[in-house]
Amino acid sequence: MTAAYRLDKASLDSLFHECQQCGACCKKYRRILLQPDEVDFIKKMGGQVGVDLKLSDLREKTLVQATAEARAAGKIYMIHPDDKGCVFLQKRDGKYFCKIYHYRPRTCQGFKCNLVDQSFLQLATDDAMTLLGQNRFGLPLR
């Protein structure tokens, strides 16, 4: 049986680190929740944008209807379809940089670097927004 751990702010601060410019976060997270006002900018800069749909959504609706409803619900993501990571990730002199750092999505701005072992990442799941108090669908954690 595992013991329940209670994390206070001081403990969480000790788990998160300053950015080491390793690029791991921008390679690991394949979809980043976008706010409606960020979508056009990401598209214009060359990022791939998509919505969160399931096959069950398409049983009763057309793709156009399901996509429109997902957009209206705010389920819009910047998508990184391969293991190369974010299209805006750039490597220079052995360090990684964001090409749109000052204009990056709010989900990216709120991300806290976590260099601890894999168990904490499993606790937080594979979605960056979980660390912002949202689940993988962009809804508040309960």
Protein backbone atom coordinates (compact mmCIF):
# COMPACT_ATOMS: atom_id res chain seq x y z
CA MET A 1 0.00 0.00 0.00
CA THR A 2 1.35 3.40 -0.89
CA ALA A 3 1.10 6.35 1.44
CA ALA A 4 -0.68 9.50 0.34
CA TYR A 5 1.66 12.44 -0.03
CA ARG A 6 0.62 15.96 0.80
CA LEU A 7 2.54 18.61 -1.15
CA ASP A 8 2.66 22.14 0.16
CA LYS A 9 3.93 25.16 -1.77
CA ALA A 10 7.49 24.85 -0.40
CA SER A 11 7.64 21.20 -1.49
CA LEU A 12 6.34 22.03 -4.96
CA ASP A 13 8.86 24.88 -5.29
CA SER A 14 11.63 22.38 -4.55
CA LEU A 15 10.34 20.06 -7.31
CA PHE A 16 10.35 22.69 -10.04
CA HIS A 17 13.51 24.14 -11.48
CA GLU A 18 14.64 27.06 -13.56
CA CYS A 19 14.70 26.27 -17.27
CA GLN A 20 17.90 24.48 -18.30
CA GLN A 21 17.05 24.96 -22.01
CA CYS A 22 17.11 21.20 -22.56
CA GLY A 23 14.02 21.24 -24.82
CA ALA A 24 12.50 18.19 -23.12
CA CYS A 25 9.17 19.88 -22.38
CA CYS A 26 8.75 21.14 -25.95
CA LYS A 27 9.50 17.65 -27.28
CA LYS A 28 7.42 15.67 -24.78
CA TYR A 29 4.08 17.49 -24.85
CA ARG A 30 2.40 16.88 -28.21
CA ARG A 31 -0.54 19.20 -27.76
CA ILE A 32 -0.79 22.53 -26.00
CA LEU A 33 -4.12 24.11 -25.09
CA LEU A 34 -4.61 27.42 -26.89
CA GLN A 35 -6.76 30.34 -25.89
CA PRO A 36 -9.06 31.64 -28.67
CA ASP A 37 -6.98 34.80 -29.12
CA GLU A 38 -3.79 32.73 -29.71
CA VAL A 39 -5.04 30.51 -32.54
CA ASP A 40 -4.60 32.90 -35.49
CA PHE A 41 -1.10 33.91 -34.39
CA ILE A 42 0.07 30.30 -34.05
CA LYS A 43 -1.34 29.47 -37.49
CA LYS A 44 0.24 32.56 -39.05
CA MET A 45 3.63 31.65 -37.59
CA GLY A 46 3.44 28.13 -39.05
CA GLY A 47 2.21 26.11 -36.09
CA GLN A 48 -0.25 23.27 -36.53
CA VAL A 49 -3.61 23.80 -34.85
CA GLY A 50 -6.32 21.22 -34.26
CA VAL A 51 -9.35 20.48 -32.10
CA ASP A 52 -10.05 17.70 -29.63
CA LEU A 53 -12.46 15.27 -31.34
CA LYS A 54 -13.33 11.65 -30.70
CA LEU A 55 -14.82 9.15 -33.13
CA SER A 56 -17.97 9.13 -31.00
CA ASP A 57 -18.39 12.85 -31.83
CA LEU A 58 -18.62 11.95 -35.51
CA ARG A 59 -21.34 9.34 -35.13
CA GLU A 60 -24.08 11.92 -34.76
CA LYS A 61 -22.52 15.00 -36.36
CA THR A 62 -20.58 15.90 -39.44
CA LEU A 63 -16.88 16.73 -39.14
CA VAL A 64 -17.69 20.41 -39.74
CA GLN A 65 -20.31 20.45 -36.96
CA ALA A 66 -18.12 18.56 -34.48
CA THR A 67 -15.15 20.81 -35.22
CA ALA A 68 -17.24 23.96 -34.77
CA GLU A 69 -18.59 22.70 -31.44
CA ALA A 70 -15.10 21.80 -30.21
CA ARG A 71 -13.84 25.27 -31.17
CA ALA A 72 -16.79 26.89 -29.40
CA ALA A 73 -16.01 24.82 -26.29
CA GLY A 74 -12.38 26.02 -26.36
CA LYS A 75 -10.84 22.63 -27.17
CA ILE A 76 -8.25 24.07 -29.57
CA TYR A 77 -4.65 22.87 -29.42
CA MET A 78 -1.27 23.54 -30.96
CA ILE A 79 -0.24 20.09 -32.14
CA HIS A 80 3.22 18.55 -32.45
CA PRO A 81 2.63 15.38 -34.45
CA ASP A 82 6.10 13.85 -34.19
CA ASP A 83 8.89 13.34 -31.67
CA LYS A 84 10.84 16.35 -32.95
CA GLY A 85 8.71 18.56 -30.75
CA CYS A 86 7.29 21.99 -31.20
CA VAL A 87 7.79 23.64 -34.57
CA PHE A 88 8.99 26.74 -32.71
CA LEU A 89 11.76 24.87 -30.85
CA GLN A 90 15.23 25.86 -32.09
CA LYS A 91 18.64 24.56 -31.04
CA ARG A 92 21.62 26.91 -30.89
CA ASP A 93 24.98 26.25 -29.26
CA GLY A 94 23.69 23.09 -27.55
CA LYS A 95 20.72 24.84 -25.92
CA TYR A 96 17.09 25.00 -26.98
CA PHE A 97 15.18 28.22 -27.52
CA CYS A 98 11.59 29.10 -28.37
CA LYS A 99 11.38 31.13 -31.58
CA ILE A 100 8.23 32.85 -30.32
CA TYR A 101 9.22 33.03 -26.64
CA HIS A 102 7.71 36.47 -25.95
CA TYR A 103 4.50 35.50 -27.80
CA ARG A 104 4.22 31.82 -26.79
CA PRO A 105 0.83 30.43 -25.68
CA ARG A 106 -0.25 31.00 -22.08
CA THR A 107 -0.06 27.25 -21.41
CA CYS A 108 3.65 27.40 -22.27
CA GLN A 109 4.13 30.54 -20.19
CA GLY A 110 2.69 28.81 -17.12
CA PHE A 111 4.68 25.61 -17.52
CA LYS A 112 7.07 24.82 -14.68
CA CYS A 113 10.16 22.77 -15.47
CA ASN A 114 10.23 19.46 -13.67
CA LEU A 115 13.54 17.63 -13.66
CA VAL A 116 12.60 15.06 -11.01
CA ASP A 117 12.11 11.37 -11.69
CA GLN A 118 9.48 9.85 -13.98
CA SER A 119 7.06 9.12 -11.10
CA PHE A 120 6.12 12.77 -10.75
CA LEU A 121 5.51 13.07 -14.48
CA GLN A 122 3.17 10.07 -14.29
CA LEU A 123 1.34 11.71 -11.41
CA ALA A 124 0.87 14.87 -13.45
CA THR A 125 0.09 12.95 -16.70
CA ASP A 126 1.54 13.79 -20.09
CA ASP A 127 -0.28 17.07 -20.61
CA ALA A 128 1.38 20.36 -19.81
CA MET A 129 -1.88 21.96 -18.76
CA THR A 130 -2.20 19.57 -15.80
CA LEU A 131 0.54 21.58 -14.16
CA LEU A 132 -1.64 24.66 -14.61
CA GLY A 133 -4.55 23.13 -12.70
CA GLN A 134 -6.33 21.83 -15.80
CA ASN A 135 -6.91 18.29 -17.00
CA ARG A 136 -6.02 17.04 -20.48
CA PHE A 137 -9.22 18.57 -21.87
CA GLY A 138 -8.49 22.04 -20.50
CA LEU A 139 -11.08 21.75 -17.73
CA PRO A 140 -10.33 22.54 -14.05
CA LEU A 141 -8.92 19.68 -11.98
CA ARG A 142 -11.26 18.32 -9.29
